[in-house]
PDB file of all heavy atoms in Angstrom:
ATOM      1  N   ALA A   1       0.802  -1.204  -0.023  1.00  0.00           N
ATOM      2  CA  ALA A   1       0.050   0.057  -0.025  1.00  0.00           C
ATOM      3  C   ALA A   1       0.836   1.232   0.040  1.00  0.00           C
ATOM      4  O   ALA A   1       0.510   2.195  -0.665  1.00  0.00           O
ATOM      5  CB  ALA A   1      -0.903   0.015   1.215  1.00  0.00           C
ATOM      6  N   THR A   2       1.979   1.216   0.734  1.00  0.00           N
ATOM      7  CA  THR A   2       2.817   2.374   0.776  1.00  0.00           C
ATOM      8  C   THR A   2       3.451   2.639  -0.623  1.00  0.00           C
ATOM      9  O   THR A   2       3.586   3.794  -1.024  1.00  0.00           O
ATOM     10  CB  THR A   2       3.966   2.140   1.854  1.00  0.00           C
ATOM     11  OG1 THR A   2       3.371   1.922   3.138  1.00  0.00           O
ATOM     12  CG2 THR A   2       4.907   3.372   1.977  1.00  0.00           C
ATOM     13  N   ILE A   3       3.900   1.659  -1.304  1.00  0.00           N
ATOM     14  CA  ILE A   3       4.515   1.711  -2.603  1.00  0.00           C
ATOM     15  C   ILE A   3       3.524   2.222  -3.613  1.00  0.00           C
ATOM     16  O   ILE A   3       3.690   3.155  -4.402  1.00  0.00           O
ATOM     17  CB  ILE A   3       5.188   0.395  -3.007  1.00  0.00           C
ATOM     18  CG1 ILE A   3       6.320   0.148  -2.126  1.00  0.00           C
ATOM     19  CG2 ILE A   3       5.607   0.478  -4.433  1.00  0.00           C
ATOM     20  CD1 ILE A   3       6.885  -1.237  -2.345  1.00  0.00           C
ATOM     21  N   ARG A   4       2.299   1.664  -3.549  1.00  0.00           N
ATOM     22  CA  ARG A   4       1.256   1.942  -4.582  1.00  0.00           C
ATOM     23  C   ARG A   4       0.755   3.369  -4.448  1.00  0.00           C
ATOM     24  O   ARG A   4       0.249   4.004  -5.446  1.00  0.00           O
ATOM     25  CB  ARG A   4       0.160   1.036  -4.479  1.00  0.00           C
ATOM     26  CG  ARG A   4       0.503  -0.443  -4.795  1.00  0.00           C
ATOM     27  CD  ARG A   4      -0.748  -1.263  -4.935  1.00  0.00           C
ATOM     28  NE  ARG A   4      -1.418  -1.033  -6.241  1.00  0.00           N
ATOM     29  CZ  ARG A   4      -2.619  -1.353  -6.405  1.00  0.00           C
ATOM     30  NH1 ARG A   4      -3.475  -1.760  -5.478  1.00  0.00           N
ATOM     31  NH2 ARG A   4      -3.210  -1.165  -7.691  1.00  0.00           N
ATOM     32  N   ALA A   5       0.957   3.991  -3.271  1.00  0.00           N
ATOM     33  CA  ALA A   5       0.586   5.415  -3.184  1.00  0.00           C
ATOM     34  C   ALA A   5       1.412   6.316  -4.027  1.00  0.00           C
ATOM     35  O   ALA A   5       0.987   7.351  -4.440  1.00  0.00           O
ATOM     36  CB  ALA A   5       0.760   5.819  -1.612  1.00  0.00           C
ATOM     37  N   GLU A   6       2.604   5.862  -4.394  1.00  0.00           N
ATOM     38  CA  GLU A   6       3.567   6.598  -5.234  1.00  0.00           C
ATOM     39  C   GLU A   6       3.632   5.998  -6.651  1.00  0.00           C
ATOM     40  O   GLU A   6       3.851   6.728  -7.587  1.00  0.00           O
ATOM     41  CB  GLU A   6       4.892   6.542  -4.604  1.00  0.00           C
ATOM     42  CG  GLU A   6       4.957   7.360  -3.239  1.00  0.00           C
ATOM     43  CD  GLU A   6       4.930   8.850  -3.485  1.00  0.00           C
ATOM     44  OE1 GLU A   6       5.183   9.394  -4.491  1.00  0.00           O
ATOM     45  OE2 GLU A   6       4.572   9.516  -2.436  1.00  0.00           O
ATOM     46  N   PHE A   7       3.612   4.653  -6.755  1.00  0.00           N
ATOM     47  CA  PHE A   7       3.720   3.999  -8.034  1.00  0.00           C
ATOM     48  C   PHE A   7       2.584   2.968  -8.201  1.00  0.00           C
ATOM     49  O   PHE A   7       2.722   1.718  -8.201  1.00  0.00           O
ATOM     50  CB  PHE A   7       5.083   3.213  -7.979  1.00  0.00           C
ATOM     51  CG  PHE A   7       6.273   4.126  -7.887  1.00  0.00           C
ATOM     52  CD1 PHE A   7       6.883   4.330  -6.672  1.00  0.00           C
ATOM     53  CD2 PHE A   7       6.808   4.718  -8.975  1.00  0.00           C
ATOM     54  CE1 PHE A   7       8.081   5.155  -6.525  1.00  0.00           C
ATOM     55  CE2 PHE A   7       7.914   5.590  -8.885  1.00  0.00           C
ATOM     56  CZ  PHE A   7       8.545   5.798  -7.606  1.00  0.00           C
ATOM     57  N   PRO A   8       1.386   3.562  -8.545  1.00  0.00           N
ATOM     58  CA  PRO A   8       0.172   2.633  -8.555  1.00  0.00           C
ATOM     59  C   PRO A   8       0.211   1.690  -9.707  1.00  0.00           C
ATOM     60  O   PRO A   8      -0.548   0.633  -9.562  1.00  0.00           O
ATOM     61  CB  PRO A   8      -0.920   3.700  -8.776  1.00  0.00           C
ATOM     62  CG  PRO A   8      -0.301   4.871  -9.401  1.00  0.00           C
ATOM     63  CD  PRO A   8       1.106   4.969  -8.815  1.00  0.00           C
ATOM     64  N   ASP A   9       0.968   1.817 -10.732  1.00  0.00           N
ATOM     65  CA  ASP A   9       0.953   0.931 -11.851  1.00  0.00           C
ATOM     66  C   ASP A   9       2.103  -0.113 -11.896  1.00  0.00           C
ATOM     67  O   ASP A   9       2.233  -0.910 -12.783  1.00  0.00           O
ATOM     68  CB  ASP A   9       0.916   1.748 -13.174  1.00  0.00           C
ATOM     69  CG  ASP A   9      -0.305   2.626 -13.278  1.00  0.00           C
ATOM     70  OD1 ASP A   9      -1.416   2.162 -12.926  1.00  0.00           O
ATOM     71  OD2 ASP A   9      -0.125   3.764 -13.729  1.00  0.00           O
ATOM     72  N   ASP A  10       3.040  -0.064 -10.992  1.00  0.00           N
ATOM     73  CA  ASP A  10       4.041  -0.950 -10.932  1.00  0.00           C
ATOM     74  C   ASP A  10       3.695  -2.319 -10.554  1.00  0.00           C
ATOM     75  O   ASP A  10       2.648  -2.626  -9.904  1.00  0.00           O
ATOM     76  CB  ASP A  10       5.145  -0.532  -9.920  1.00  0.00           C
ATOM     77  CG  ASP A  10       5.970   0.586 -10.484  1.00  0.00           C
ATOM     78  OD1 ASP A  10       5.676   1.130 -11.605  1.00  0.00           O
ATOM     79  OD2 ASP A  10       6.958   1.051  -9.781  1.00  0.00           O
ATOM     80  N   ARG A  11       4.516  -3.323 -10.877  1.00  0.00           N
ATOM     81  CA  ARG A  11       4.200  -4.797 -10.653  1.00  0.00           C
ATOM     82  C   ARG A  11       4.994  -5.119  -9.326  1.00  0.00           C
ATOM     83  O   ARG A  11       5.885  -4.421  -8.862  1.00  0.00           O
ATOM     84  CB  ARG A  11       4.755  -5.684 -11.772  1.00  0.00           C
ATOM     85  CG  ARG A  11       3.925  -5.434 -13.063  1.00  0.00           C
ATOM     86  CD  ARG A  11       4.580  -6.086 -14.262  1.00  0.00           C
ATOM     87  NE  ARG A  11       5.793  -5.277 -14.626  1.00  0.00           N
ATOM     88  CZ  ARG A  11       6.545  -5.628 -15.653  1.00  0.00           C
ATOM     89  NH1 ARG A  11       6.374  -6.723 -16.363  1.00  0.00           N
ATOM     90  NH2 ARG A  11       7.612  -4.777 -15.900  1.00  0.00           N
ATOM     91  N   PHE A  12       4.579  -6.389  -8.791  1.00  0.00           N
ATOM     92  CA  PHE A  12       5.094  -6.774  -7.554  1.00  0.00           C
ATOM     93  C   PHE A  12       5.424  -8.275  -7.530  1.00  0.00           C
ATOM     94  O   PHE A  12       4.713  -9.038  -8.179  1.00  0.00           O
ATOM     95  CB  PHE A  12       4.122  -6.603  -6.410  1.00  0.00           C
ATOM     96  CG  PHE A  12       3.816  -5.079  -5.996  1.00  0.00           C
ATOM     97  CD1 PHE A  12       2.990  -4.362  -6.699  1.00  0.00           C
ATOM     98  CD2 PHE A  12       4.529  -4.550  -4.987  1.00  0.00           C
ATOM     99  CE1 PHE A  12       2.738  -3.000  -6.430  1.00  0.00           C
ATOM    100  CE2 PHE A  12       4.325  -3.220  -4.668  1.00  0.00           C
ATOM    101  CZ  PHE A  12       3.439  -2.440  -5.355  1.00  0.00           C
ATOM    102  N   LEU A  13       6.488  -8.570  -6.912  1.00  0.00           N
ATOM    103  CA  LEU A  13       6.894  -9.967  -6.726  1.00  0.00           C
ATOM    104  C   LEU A  13       7.179 -10.089  -5.176  1.00  0.00           C
ATOM    105  O   LEU A  13       8.053  -9.621  -4.648  1.00  0.00           O
ATOM    106  CB  LEU A  13       8.223 -10.267  -7.417  1.00  0.00           C
ATOM    107  CG  LEU A  13       8.806 -11.678  -7.257  1.00  0.00           C
ATOM    108  CD1 LEU A  13       7.796 -12.774  -7.627  1.00  0.00           C
ATOM    109  CD2 LEU A  13      10.099 -11.852  -8.067  1.00  0.00           C
ATOM    110  N   CYS A  14       6.232 -10.848  -4.573  1.00  0.00           N
ATOM    111  CA  CYS A  14       6.225 -10.962  -3.036  1.00  0.00           C
ATOM    112  C   CYS A  14       6.198 -12.372  -2.574  1.00  0.00           C
ATOM    113  O   CYS A  14       5.732 -13.272  -3.298  1.00  0.00           O
ATOM    114  CB  CYS A  14       4.959 -10.280  -2.546  1.00  0.00           C
ATOM    115  SG  CYS A  14       4.693  -8.515  -3.058  1.00  0.00           S
ATOM    116  N   GLU A  15       6.737 -12.462  -1.371  1.00  0.00           N
ATOM    117  CA  GLU A  15       6.721 -13.881  -0.883  1.00  0.00           C
ATOM    118  C   GLU A  15       5.308 -14.432  -0.581  1.00  0.00           C
ATOM    119  O   GLU A  15       5.044 -15.564  -0.746  1.00  0.00           O
ATOM    120  CB  GLU A  15       7.593 -13.857   0.426  1.00  0.00           C
ATOM    121  CG  GLU A  15       7.550 -15.411   1.015  1.00  0.00           C
ATOM    122  CD  GLU A  15       8.674 -15.557   2.100  1.00  0.00           C
ATOM    123  OE1 GLU A  15       9.178 -14.602   2.628  1.00  0.00           O
ATOM    124  OE2 GLU A  15       8.886 -16.686   2.397  1.00  0.00           O
ATOM    125  N   GLU A  16       4.503 -13.582  -0.007  1.00  0.00           N
ATOM    126  CA  GLU A  16       3.199 -14.016   0.413  1.00  0.00           C
ATOM    127  C   GLU A  16       2.167 -13.565  -0.566  1.00  0.00           C
ATOM    128  O   GLU A  16       2.429 -12.854  -1.614  1.00  0.00           O
ATOM    129  CB  GLU A  16       2.855 -13.453   1.739  1.00  0.00           C
ATOM    130  CG  GLU A  16       3.885 -13.572   2.865  1.00  0.00           C
ATOM    131  CD  GLU A  16       4.397 -15.007   3.099  1.00  0.00           C
ATOM    132  OE1 GLU A  16       3.690 -16.017   2.758  1.00  0.00           O
ATOM    133  OE2 GLU A  16       5.592 -15.183   3.603  1.00  0.00           O
ATOM    134  N   ASP A  17       0.926 -14.114  -0.363  1.00  0.00           N
ATOM    135  CA  ASP A  17      -0.208 -13.808  -1.336  1.00  0.00           C
ATOM    136  C   ASP A  17      -0.408 -12.299  -1.380  1.00  0.00           C
ATOM    137  O   ASP A  17      -0.305 -11.670  -0.395  1.00  0.00           O
ATOM    138  CB  ASP A  17      -1.429 -14.509  -0.801  1.00  0.00           C
ATOM    139  CG  ASP A  17      -2.624 -14.175  -1.572  1.00  0.00           C
ATOM    140  OD1 ASP A  17      -2.734 -14.640  -2.798  1.00  0.00           O
ATOM    141  OD2 ASP A  17      -3.530 -13.451  -1.129  1.00  0.00           O
ATOM    142  N   LEU A  18      -0.722 -11.819  -2.554  1.00  0.00           N
ATOM    143  CA  LEU A  18      -0.718 -10.395  -2.728  1.00  0.00           C
ATOM    144  C   LEU A  18      -2.091  -9.779  -2.576  1.00  0.00           C
ATOM    145  O   LEU A  18      -2.342  -8.505  -2.788  1.00  0.00           O
ATOM    146  CB  LEU A  18      -0.197 -10.068  -4.233  1.00  0.00           C
ATOM    147  CG  LEU A  18       0.291  -8.600  -4.452  1.00  0.00           C
ATOM    148  CD1 LEU A  18       1.212  -8.169  -3.529  1.00  0.00           C
ATOM    149  CD2 LEU A  18       0.851  -8.527  -5.814  1.00  0.00           C
ATOM    150  N   SER A  19      -3.102 -10.561  -2.156  1.00  0.00           N
ATOM    151  CA  SER A  19      -4.488 -10.028  -1.940  1.00  0.00           C
ATOM    152  C   SER A  19      -4.431  -8.827  -0.970  1.00  0.00           C
ATOM    153  O   SER A  19      -3.736  -8.842   0.082  1.00  0.00           O
ATOM    154  CB  SER A  19      -5.363 -11.080  -1.393  1.00  0.00           C
ATOM    155  OG  SER A  19      -6.620 -10.501  -0.960  1.00  0.00           O
ATOM    156  N   THR A  20      -5.200  -7.811  -1.220  1.00  0.00           N
ATOM    157  CA  THR A  20      -5.349  -6.630  -0.451  1.00  0.00           C
ATOM    158  C   THR A  20      -6.490  -6.673   0.537  1.00  0.00           C
ATOM    159  O   THR A  20      -6.733  -5.652   1.211  1.00  0.00           O
ATOM    160  CB  THR A  20      -5.338  -5.370  -1.287  1.00  0.00           C
ATOM    161  OG1 THR A  20      -6.542  -5.452  -2.182  1.00  0.00           O
ATOM    162  CG2 THR A  20      -4.131  -5.175  -2.098  1.00  0.00           C
ATOM    163  N   ARG A  21      -7.205  -7.765   0.619  1.00  0.00           N
ATOM    164  CA  ARG A  21      -8.373  -7.884   1.358  1.00  0.00           C
ATOM    165  C   ARG A  21      -9.420  -6.794   0.878  1.00  0.00           C
ATOM    166  O   ARG A  21      -9.475  -6.392  -0.306  1.00  0.00           O
ATOM    167  CB  ARG A  21      -8.161  -7.663   2.872  1.00  0.00           C
ATOM    168  CG  ARG A  21      -7.421  -8.726   3.533  1.00  0.00           C
ATOM    169  CD  ARG A  21      -7.259  -8.389   5.077  1.00  0.00           C
ATOM    170  NE  ARG A  21      -6.779  -9.509   5.812  1.00  0.00           N
ATOM    171  CZ  ARG A  21      -6.469  -9.367   7.088  1.00  0.00           C
ATOM    172  NH1 ARG A  21      -6.457  -8.235   7.644  1.00  0.00           N
ATOM    173  NH2 ARG A  21      -6.119 -10.401   7.745  1.00  0.00           N
ATOM    174  N   ALA A  22     -10.335  -6.422   1.793  1.00  0.00           N
ATOM    175  CA  ALA A  22     -11.277  -5.328   1.427  1.00  0.00           C
ATOM    176  C   ALA A  22     -10.701  -3.994   1.532  1.00  0.00           C
ATOM    177  O   ALA A  22      -9.580  -3.881   2.035  1.00  0.00           O
ATOM    178  CB  ALA A  22     -12.542  -5.527   2.232  1.00  0.00           C
ATOM    179  N   GLY A  23     -11.370  -2.975   1.157  1.00  0.00           N
ATOM    180  CA  GLY A  23     -10.835  -1.650   1.373  1.00  0.00           C
ATOM    181  C   GLY A  23     -10.691  -0.962   0.050  1.00  0.00           C
ATOM    182  O   GLY A  23     -11.122  -1.384  -1.002  1.00  0.00           O
ATOM    183  N   PRO A  24     -10.105   0.248   0.053  1.00  0.00           N
ATOM    184  CA  PRO A  24     -10.045   1.029  -1.162  1.00  0.00           C
ATOM    185  C   PRO A  24      -9.217   0.375  -2.246  1.00  0.00           C
ATOM    186  O   PRO A  24      -9.435   0.735  -3.435  1.00  0.00           O
ATOM    187  CB  PRO A  24      -9.408   2.351  -0.677  1.00  0.00           C
ATOM    188  CG  PRO A  24      -8.706   1.952   0.591  1.00  0.00           C
ATOM    189  CD  PRO A  24      -9.526   0.934   1.181  1.00  0.00           C
ATOM    190  N   GLU A  25      -8.286  -0.512  -1.964  1.00  0.00           N
ATOM    191  CA  GLU A  25      -7.453  -1.153  -2.983  1.00  0.00           C
ATOM    192  C   GLU A  25      -8.142  -2.443  -3.581  1.00  0.00           C
ATOM    193  O   GLU A  25      -7.714  -2.997  -4.608  1.00  0.00           O
ATOM    194  CB  GLU A  25      -6.148  -1.545  -2.461  1.00  0.00           C
ATOM    195  CG  GLU A  25      -5.315  -0.347  -1.957  1.00  0.00           C
ATOM    196  CD  GLU A  25      -4.764   0.431  -3.114  1.00  0.00           C
ATOM    197  OE1 GLU A  25      -4.677  -0.127  -4.215  1.00  0.00           O
ATOM    198  OE2 GLU A  25      -4.383   1.615  -2.901  1.00  0.00           O
ATOM    199  N   ALA A  26      -9.226  -2.849  -2.906  1.00  0.00           N
ATOM    200  CA  ALA A  26      -9.756  -4.204  -3.301  1.00  0.00           C
ATOM    201  C   ALA A  26     -10.293  -4.259  -4.700  1.00  0.00           C
ATOM    202  O   ALA A  26     -10.398  -5.232  -5.398  1.00  0.00           O
ATOM    203  CB  ALA A  26     -10.783  -4.567  -2.327  1.00  0.00           C
ATOM    204  N   ASP A  27     -10.769  -3.133  -5.230  1.00  0.00           N
ATOM    205  CA  ASP A  27     -11.308  -3.060  -6.663  1.00  0.00           C
ATOM    206  C   ASP A  27     -10.209  -3.011  -7.685  1.00  0.00           C
ATOM    207  O   ASP A  27     -10.542  -3.114  -8.857  1.00  0.00           O
ATOM    208  CB  ASP A  27     -12.244  -1.808  -6.706  1.00  0.00           C
ATOM    209  CG  ASP A  27     -11.627  -0.499  -6.522  1.00  0.00           C
ATOM    210  OD1 ASP A  27     -10.495  -0.501  -6.016  1.00  0.00           O
ATOM    211  OD2 ASP A  27     -12.253   0.459  -6.928  1.00  0.00           O
ATOM    212  N   ARG A  28      -8.966  -2.856  -7.230  1.00  0.00           N
ATOM    213  CA  ARG A  28      -7.858  -2.815  -8.189  1.00  0.00           C
ATOM    214  C   ARG A  28      -6.666  -3.455  -7.618  1.00  0.00           C
ATOM    215  O   ARG A  28      -5.751  -2.801  -7.134  1.00  0.00           O
ATOM    216  CB  ARG A  28      -7.590  -1.412  -8.583  1.00  0.00           C
ATOM    217  CG  ARG A  28      -6.576  -1.349  -9.820  1.00  0.00           C
ATOM    218  CD  ARG A  28      -6.514   0.133 -10.395  1.00  0.00           C
ATOM    219  NE  ARG A  28      -5.575   0.251 -11.419  1.00  0.00           N
ATOM    220  CZ  ARG A  28      -4.218   0.533 -11.247  1.00  0.00           C
ATOM    221  NH1 ARG A  28      -3.801   0.749  -9.990  1.00  0.00           N
ATOM    222  NH2 ARG A  28      -3.426   0.578 -12.222  1.00  0.00           N
ATOM    223  N   GLU A  29      -6.621  -4.762  -7.721  1.00  0.00           N
ATOM    224  CA  GLU A  29      -5.458  -5.479  -7.159  1.00  0.00           C
ATOM    225  C   GLU A  29      -4.136  -5.155  -7.803  1.00  0.00           C
ATOM    226  O   GLU A  29      -4.127  -4.866  -8.978  1.00  0.00           O
ATOM    227  CB  GLU A  29      -5.786  -7.027  -7.186  1.00  0.00           C
ATOM    228  CG  GLU A  29      -6.982  -7.548  -6.557  1.00  0.00           C
ATOM    229  CD  GLU A  29      -6.743  -7.558  -4.950  1.00  0.00           C
ATOM    230  OE1 GLU A  29      -5.598  -7.378  -4.515  1.00  0.00           O
ATOM    231  OE2 GLU A  29      -7.658  -7.696  -4.219  1.00  0.00           O
ATOM    232  N   PRO A  30      -3.048  -5.169  -7.097  1.00  0.00           N
ATOM    233  CA  PRO A  30      -1.706  -4.982  -7.595  1.00  0.00           C
ATOM    234  C   PRO A  30      -1.506  -6.018  -8.654  1.00  0.00           C
ATOM    235  O   PRO A  30      -1.974  -7.220  -8.570  1.00  0.00           O
ATOM    236  CB  PRO A  30      -0.776  -5.039  -6.386  1.00  0.00           C
ATOM    237  CG  PRO A  30      -1.659  -4.909  -5.203  1.00  0.00           C
ATOM    238  CD  PRO A  30      -3.075  -5.400  -5.590  1.00  0.00           C
ATOM    239  N   GLU A  31      -0.619  -5.739  -9.685  1.00  0.00           N
ATOM    240  CA  GLU A  31      -0.196  -6.728 -10.582  1.00  0.00           C
ATOM    241  C   GLU A  31       0.882  -7.564 -10.093  1.00  0.00           C
ATOM    242  O   GLU A  31       1.982  -7.121  -9.793  1.00  0.00           O
ATOM    243  CB  GLU A  31       0.185  -6.103 -11.937  1.00  0.00           C
ATOM    244  CG  GLU A  31       0.563  -7.102 -13.042  1.00  0.00           C
ATOM    245  CD  GLU A  31       1.000  -6.521 -14.295  1.00  0.00           C
ATOM    246  OE1 GLU A  31       0.934  -5.207 -14.425  1.00  0.00           O
ATOM    247  OE2 GLU A  31       1.459  -7.223 -15.200  1.00  0.00           O
ATOM    248  N   ALA A  32       0.706  -8.855  -9.897  1.00  0.00           N
ATOM    249  CA  ALA A  32       1.637  -9.817  -9.389  1.00  0.00           C
ATOM    250  C   ALA A  32       2.351 -10.544 -10.495  1.00  0.00           C
ATOM    251  O   ALA A  32       1.665 -10.952 -11.463  1.00  0.00           O
ATOM    252  CB  ALA A  32       1.015 -10.778  -8.456  1.00  0.00           C
ATOM    253  N   VAL A  33       3.668 -10.783 -10.355  1.00  0.00           N
ATOM    254  CA  VAL A  33       4.388 -11.576 -11.235  1.00  0.00           C
ATOM    255  C   VAL A  33       5.076 -12.714 -10.456  1.00  0.00           C
ATOM    256  O   VAL A  33       5.208 -12.572  -9.317  1.00  0.00           O
ATOM    257  CB  VAL A  33       5.423 -10.767 -12.079  1.00  0.00           C
ATOM    258  CG1 VAL A  33       4.668  -9.654 -12.956  1.00  0.00           C
ATOM    259  CG2 VAL A  33       6.428 -10.152 -11.134  1.00  0.00           C
ATOM    260  N   ASP A  34       5.589 -13.804 -11.166  1.00  0.00           N
ATOM    261  CA  ASP A  34       6.219 -14.892 -10.489  1.00  0.00           C
ATOM    262  C   ASP A  34       7.726 -14.960 -10.784  1.00  0.00           C
ATOM    263  O   ASP A  34       8.358 -15.927 -10.360  1.00  0.00           O
ATOM    264  CB  ASP A  34       5.485 -16.194 -10.807  1.00  0.00           C
ATOM    265  CG  ASP A  34       5.502 -16.554 -12.181  1.00  0.00           C
ATOM    266  OD1 ASP A  34       6.090 -15.807 -13.037  1.00  0.00           O
ATOM    267  OD2 ASP A  34       4.778 -17.473 -12.570  1.00  0.00           O
ATOM    268  N   SER A  35       8.224 -13.886 -11.499  1.00  0.00           N
ATOM    269  CA  SER A  35       9.634 -13.913 -11.741  1.00  0.00           C
ATOM    270  C   SER A  35      10.028 -12.450 -12.082  1.00  0.00           C
ATOM    271  O   SER A  35       9.189 -11.635 -12.276  1.00  0.00           O
ATOM    272  CB  SER A  35       9.993 -14.796 -12.946  1.00  0.00           C
ATOM    273  OG  SER A  35       9.364 -14.442 -14.077  1.00  0.00           O
ATOM    274  N   VAL A  36      11.330 -12.193 -12.093  1.00  0.00           N
ATOM    275  CA  VAL A  36      11.796 -10.853 -12.467  1.00  0.00           C
ATOM    276  C   VAL A  36      11.833 -10.666 -13.907  1.00  0.00           C
ATOM    277  O   VAL A  36      12.616 -11.309 -14.702  1.00  0.00           O
ATOM    278  CB  VAL A  36      13.196 -10.652 -11.773  1.00  0.00           C
ATOM    279  CG1 VAL A  36      13.720  -9.265 -12.181  1.00  0.00           C
ATOM    280  CG2 VAL A  36      13.195 -10.862 -10.315  1.00  0.00           C
ATOM    281  N   PRO A  37      11.030  -9.667 -14.473  1.00  0.00           N
ATOM    282  CA  PRO A  37      11.070  -9.398 -15.893  1.00  0.00           C
ATOM    283  C   PRO A  37      12.288  -8.634 -16.333  1.00  0.00           C
ATOM    284  O   PRO A  37      12.959  -7.968 -15.531  1.00  0.00           O
ATOM    285  CB  PRO A  37       9.749  -8.554 -16.077  1.00  0.00           C
ATOM    286  CG  PRO A  37       9.573  -7.912 -14.690  1.00  0.00           C
ATOM    287  CD  PRO A  37      10.125  -8.858 -13.738  1.00  0.00           C
ATOM    288  N   ASP A  38      12.599  -8.711 -17.499  1.00  0.00           N
ATOM    289  CA  ASP A  38      13.798  -8.022 -18.074  1.00  0.00           C
ATOM    290  C   ASP A  38      13.524  -6.502 -18.369  1.00  0.00           C
ATOM    291  O   ASP A  38      14.467  -5.749 -18.509  1.00  0.00           O
ATOM    292  CB  ASP A  38      14.265  -8.614 -19.473  1.00  0.00           C
ATOM    293  CG  ASP A  38      14.833 -10.018 -19.202  1.00  0.00           C
ATOM    294  OD1 ASP A  38      15.239 -10.292 -18.102  1.00  0.00           O
ATOM    295  OD2 ASP A  38      14.696 -10.913 -20.153  1.00  0.00           O
ATOM    296  N   SER A  39      12.244  -6.135 -18.401  1.00  0.00           N
ATOM    297  CA  SER A  39      11.921  -4.707 -18.643  1.00  0.00           C
ATOM    298  C   SER A  39      10.829  -4.292 -17.728  1.00  0.00           C
ATOM    299  O   SER A  39      10.066  -5.091 -17.223  1.00  0.00           O
ATOM    300  CB  SER A  39      11.567  -4.544 -20.039  1.00  0.00           C
ATOM    301  OG  SER A  39      10.401  -5.232 -20.400  1.00  0.00           O
ATOM    302  N   GLY A  40      10.770  -2.951 -17.540  1.00  0.00           N
ATOM    303  CA  GLY A  40       9.704  -2.409 -16.694  1.00  0.00           C
ATOM    304  C   GLY A  40      10.138  -2.247 -15.237  1.00  0.00           C
ATOM    305  O   GLY A  40      11.276  -2.574 -14.823  1.00  0.00           O
TER     306      GLY A  40
END
């Protein structure tokens, strides 16, 4: 949530499930990836 306040369109690679539960972010989940992309 802290990162998305500044970079709302960036992707995330996280150890745990990326669900934001309910709340203001729930209608637009972060974009999750399963590996490090070469670009972006």
